[in-house]
Protein backbone atom coordinates (compact mmCIF):
# COMPACT_ATOMS: atom_id res chain seq x y z
CA MET A 1 14.64 4.49 -62.57
CA ARG A 2 17.16 6.72 -63.32
CA ALA A 3 15.51 9.21 -61.09
CA TYR A 4 15.59 6.88 -58.30
CA PHE A 5 19.36 6.27 -58.45
CA THR A 6 20.22 10.06 -58.67
CA LEU A 7 17.90 10.80 -55.75
CA GLY A 8 19.31 7.81 -53.78
CA ARG A 9 22.81 9.06 -54.57
CA SER A 10 22.16 12.54 -53.66
CA PHE A 11 20.82 11.35 -49.99
CA ALA A 12 23.24 8.76 -49.29
CA PRO A 13 26.12 11.08 -47.97
CA THR A 14 23.51 12.90 -45.78
CA VAL A 15 22.01 9.68 -44.43
CA LEU A 16 25.62 8.52 -43.76
CA VAL A 17 26.47 11.52 -42.01
CA LEU A 18 23.30 11.45 -40.14
CA ALA A 19 23.72 8.05 -39.03
CA SER A 20 27.58 8.46 -38.06
CA SER A 21 26.53 11.43 -35.88
CA ILE A 22 23.60 9.76 -34.27
CA ALA A 23 25.98 6.46 -33.37
CA CYS A 24 28.67 9.20 -32.01
CA SER A 25 26.49 10.80 -29.77
CA SER A 26 24.99 7.57 -28.56
CA LEU A 27 28.56 6.18 -27.60
CA SER A 28 29.68 9.47 -25.99
CA SER A 29 26.64 9.60 -23.82
CA ALA A 30 26.18 5.98 -22.58
CA GLY A 31 28.18 5.05 -19.69
CA GLU A 32 28.66 1.58 -17.96
CA THR A 33 26.16 0.02 -15.63
CA VAL A 34 27.30 -1.65 -12.59
CA GLU A 35 25.09 -3.97 -10.31
CA ILE A 36 25.10 -3.86 -6.55
CA LYS A 37 23.05 -6.62 -5.08
CA MET A 38 21.01 -6.41 -1.69
CA LEU A 39 21.31 -9.57 0.35
CA ASN A 40 20.54 -11.33 3.28
CA LYS A 41 23.40 -13.13 3.58
CA GLY A 42 26.68 -11.77 1.79
CA ALA A 43 29.81 -13.48 1.78
CA ASP A 44 31.29 -12.07 4.90
CA ARG A 45 28.17 -11.37 7.27
CA TYR A 46 24.49 -10.83 7.30
CA MET A 47 22.41 -7.99 5.60
CA ALA A 48 24.99 -6.71 3.13
CA PHE A 49 25.29 -5.22 -0.33
CA GLU A 50 27.72 -6.98 -2.64
CA PRO A 51 30.11 -5.77 -3.98
CA GLU A 52 30.09 -3.19 -1.09
CA VAL A 53 32.64 -0.96 -2.87
CA VAL A 54 32.37 -0.17 -6.45
CA ARG A 55 34.47 2.28 -8.64
CA ILE A 56 33.14 3.81 -11.68
CA LYS A 57 33.56 6.92 -14.09
CA PRO A 58 31.54 10.35 -14.03
CA GLY A 59 28.10 9.59 -15.97
CA ASP A 60 28.31 5.80 -15.14
CA THR A 61 24.99 4.13 -13.66
CA VAL A 62 24.63 1.80 -10.73
CA LYS A 63 21.89 -0.58 -10.57
CA PHE A 64 20.87 -1.69 -6.97
CA VAL A 65 19.32 -5.25 -7.48
CA ALA A 66 16.59 -6.08 -4.97
CA THR A 67 17.72 -9.87 -5.20
CA ASP A 68 16.47 -10.52 -1.58
CA LYS A 69 13.24 -8.86 -0.11
CA GLY A 70 13.15 -6.25 2.63
CA HIS A 71 15.85 -4.02 1.16
CA ASN A 72 16.51 -0.65 -0.21
CA ALA A 73 19.39 1.65 -1.43
CA VAL A 74 19.30 5.05 0.23
CA ALA A 75 22.32 7.97 -0.12
CA ILE A 76 24.14 8.57 3.11
CA LYS A 77 23.78 12.29 3.09
CA GLU A 78 27.11 12.86 5.17
CA LEU A 79 28.84 11.04 2.56
CA LEU A 80 28.18 12.68 -0.54
CA PRO A 81 30.42 14.57 -2.76
CA PRO A 82 29.39 18.44 -2.94
CA GLY A 83 26.85 19.21 -5.66
CA ALA A 84 25.73 15.57 -5.68
CA GLU A 85 22.10 14.55 -5.44
CA ALA A 86 20.96 12.49 -2.68
CA PHE A 87 19.10 9.17 -4.14
CA ARG A 88 16.50 7.11 -2.20
CA GLY A 89 14.95 3.64 -3.40
CA LYS A 90 11.75 1.78 -2.06
CA ILE A 91 11.91 -1.17 0.01
CA ASN A 92 11.81 -4.74 -2.17
CA GLU A 93 12.19 -2.59 -5.83
CA GLU A 94 15.32 -2.13 -7.70
CA LEU A 95 16.96 1.33 -7.76
CA THR A 96 18.85 3.00 -10.93
CA VAL A 97 21.00 6.25 -10.47
CA THR A 98 23.65 7.76 -12.81
CA LEU A 99 26.31 9.34 -10.82
CA SER A 100 28.21 12.35 -12.42
CA ALA A 101 29.60 14.39 -9.66
CA PRO A 102 33.24 13.31 -8.61
CA GLY A 103 33.84 11.45 -5.05
CA VAL A 104 32.75 8.87 -2.35
CA TYR A 105 28.97 8.43 -2.00
CA GLY A 106 28.16 6.27 0.92
CA PHE A 107 24.58 4.36 0.67
CA ARG A 108 22.59 2.25 3.02
CA CYS A 109 19.64 0.02 3.30
CA ASP A 110 17.24 1.73 5.79
CA PRO A 111 15.97 -1.23 7.67
CA HIS A 112 19.46 -2.83 8.03
CA TYR A 113 21.57 0.28 8.52
CA THR A 114 22.79 0.12 12.26
CA LEU A 115 23.03 -3.62 11.45
CA GLY A 116 25.84 -2.31 9.09
CA MET A 117 24.29 -2.81 5.68
CA VAL A 118 26.37 -0.06 4.06
CA GLY A 119 28.50 0.34 0.94
CA VAL A 120 30.62 2.83 -0.94
CA ILE A 121 30.67 4.20 -4.63
CA VAL A 122 33.59 5.92 -5.81
CA VAL A 123 32.95 8.21 -8.79
CA GLY A 124 36.25 9.12 -10.48
CA GLU A 125 38.58 10.54 -7.98
CA PRO A 126 37.73 10.08 -4.28
CA THR A 127 37.83 14.08 -3.80
CA ASN A 128 35.91 13.97 -0.34
CA LEU A 129 37.53 11.10 1.25
CA ASP A 130 38.70 12.80 4.11
CA ALA A 131 35.25 14.71 4.71
CA ALA A 132 33.67 11.16 4.42
CA LYS A 133 35.88 9.37 7.29
CA GLN A 134 34.82 12.04 9.51
CA ALA A 135 31.13 11.14 9.25
CA LYS A 136 29.92 9.47 12.38
CA LEU A 137 27.60 6.48 11.38
CA PRO A 138 25.22 4.70 13.91
CA GLY A 139 25.92 1.02 15.28
CA LYS A 140 27.70 -1.39 13.19
CA ALA A 141 27.14 0.76 10.03
CA GLY A 142 30.21 3.16 11.57
CA GLU A 143 32.37 0.11 11.85
CA VAL A 144 31.77 -1.30 8.51
CA MET A 145 31.86 2.23 6.82
CA THR A 146 35.55 2.88 8.55
CA LYS A 147 36.80 -0.33 7.03
CA LEU A 148 35.35 0.53 3.68
CA LEU A 149 36.68 3.86 3.53
CA GLY A 150 40.07 2.75 4.81
CA SER A 151 40.17 0.29 1.83
CA LEU A 152 40.15 3.15 -0.57
C-alpha cells in the first residue's frame, strides 16, 4: 500500500505537467468557427449567403451550411489574398475551411453566381482589399460584390 502512494506521488507532477501541456496546446490551436448559411431566400434577396460578410482571425474556421438545396461554396480566385488556397464545396454539401492567410476572400455559389450569390470573408486585416475591388465579376455578382467590399 505504501508503494502505491509513493508511486502515485512520484507520477503526479509528471501527469499534471503533461495534462497542462495538452490543454494549453489545444487552446492555442483551436480557433473559432463561424457558420455561413446557403439559402434560396435571404433577408434582402433570393439566392444568398447569410451572413454575406464575416470577419475572423487567422486560423479560425468557416463552415458553409447547406441550409437549402442546390448550393455550394467556392472561392473566387481573383478575390483571394496572396498565398491563400482556393476552396471548392460540392452541391448540397457542407464545407468547412480553416483560413490562415490574412486578407479578403471572395466566395460564390456556382449555380447562382451570376444571380449575385457571393460573399466575403475578412481574415485579420483586409490586406488585399484594393486588389479585390479591381476584380471584375459577371452579372449581378459584380454589383453585389462591389457593395460588400464597399462596406469594409
